[in-house]
Amino acid sequence: MRELGDLARDAARAGRYLTQSLRLMVGVPDYGSYLAHHRATHPEREPMSYEAFFRERQAARYSARVGKCC
């Protein structure tokens, strides 16, 4: 039988995945994932601030005009 601590940890993990999924579905970028990726792949470079990251993601999402008529 699973212990209460295991269930709480699994519920917290599921909550994080659900939150991340919902944010991605509505277009809110995940700064925490960006920071983890940046630390793992570019440790020598300074990461963007949250504000710069958010602006860059918004620009990438809304300024791409490929295939759009307007």
Protein backbone atom coordinates (compact mmCIF):
# COMPACT_ATOMS: atom_id res chain seq x y z
CA MET A 1 0.00 0.00 0.00
CA ARG A 2 1.25 3.46 -0.86
CA GLU A 3 2.09 5.85 1.88
CA LEU A 4 0.43 9.21 2.33
CA GLY A 5 3.67 11.03 1.49
CA ASP A 6 3.87 9.21 -1.86
CA LEU A 7 0.29 10.16 -2.70
CA ALA A 8 0.88 13.79 -1.77
CA ARG A 9 4.03 13.92 -3.91
CA ASP A 10 2.20 12.35 -6.87
CA ALA A 11 -0.72 14.78 -6.48
CA ALA A 12 1.67 17.75 -6.39
CA ARG A 13 3.44 16.50 -9.53
CA ALA A 14 0.11 16.01 -11.32
CA GLY A 15 -0.92 19.52 -10.31
CA ARG A 16 2.27 20.99 -11.77
CA TYR A 17 1.77 19.12 -15.05
CA LEU A 18 -1.86 20.21 -15.23
CA THR A 19 -0.92 23.84 -14.55
CA GLN A 20 1.81 23.74 -17.18
CA SER A 21 -0.56 22.17 -19.73
CA LEU A 22 -3.29 24.74 -19.10
CA ARG A 23 -0.84 27.62 -19.39
CA LEU A 24 0.50 26.28 -22.68
CA MET A 25 -3.05 25.83 -24.01
CA VAL A 26 -3.89 29.48 -23.41
CA GLY A 27 -0.49 30.74 -24.57
CA VAL A 28 1.17 31.66 -21.29
CA PRO A 29 4.87 30.74 -21.58
CA ASP A 30 6.53 28.67 -18.85
CA TYR A 31 9.42 30.68 -17.42
CA GLY A 32 10.43 27.90 -15.02
CA SER A 33 10.94 25.45 -17.88
CA TYR A 34 12.89 28.10 -19.78
CA LEU A 35 15.19 28.64 -16.79
CA ALA A 36 15.77 24.90 -16.33
CA HIS A 37 16.56 24.49 -20.04
CA HIS A 38 18.82 27.55 -19.99
CA ARG A 39 20.79 26.29 -16.97
CA ALA A 40 21.22 22.87 -18.58
CA THR A 41 22.22 24.02 -22.07
CA HIS A 42 23.63 27.55 -21.70
CA PRO A 43 25.15 27.82 -18.20
CA GLU A 44 27.69 30.41 -19.35
CA ARG A 45 25.01 32.89 -20.48
CA GLU A 46 22.72 35.06 -18.38
CA PRO A 47 19.02 34.08 -18.75
CA MET A 48 16.41 36.64 -19.78
CA SER A 49 14.38 38.31 -17.07
CA TYR A 50 10.76 37.20 -16.80
CA GLU A 51 9.62 40.41 -18.47
CA ALA A 52 12.03 40.02 -21.41
CA PHE A 53 11.11 36.33 -21.72
CA PHE A 54 7.39 37.13 -21.75
CA ARG A 55 7.81 39.88 -24.39
CA GLU A 56 9.93 37.60 -26.58
CA ARG A 57 7.39 34.74 -26.37
CA GLN A 58 4.48 37.09 -27.10
CA ALA A 59 6.32 38.53 -30.10
CA ALA A 60 7.15 35.04 -31.36
CA ARG A 61 3.53 33.99 -31.03
CA TYR A 62 1.76 37.00 -32.48
CA SER A 63 4.22 38.47 -34.98
CA ALA A 64 4.58 35.35 -37.14
CA ARG A 65 2.62 36.23 -40.27
CA VAL A 66 3.38 33.05 -42.23
CA GLY A 67 0.21 31.79 -43.85
CA LYS A 68 -2.00 34.58 -42.54
CA CYS A 69 -3.82 37.05 -44.74
CA CYS A 70 -3.90 40.02 -42.33
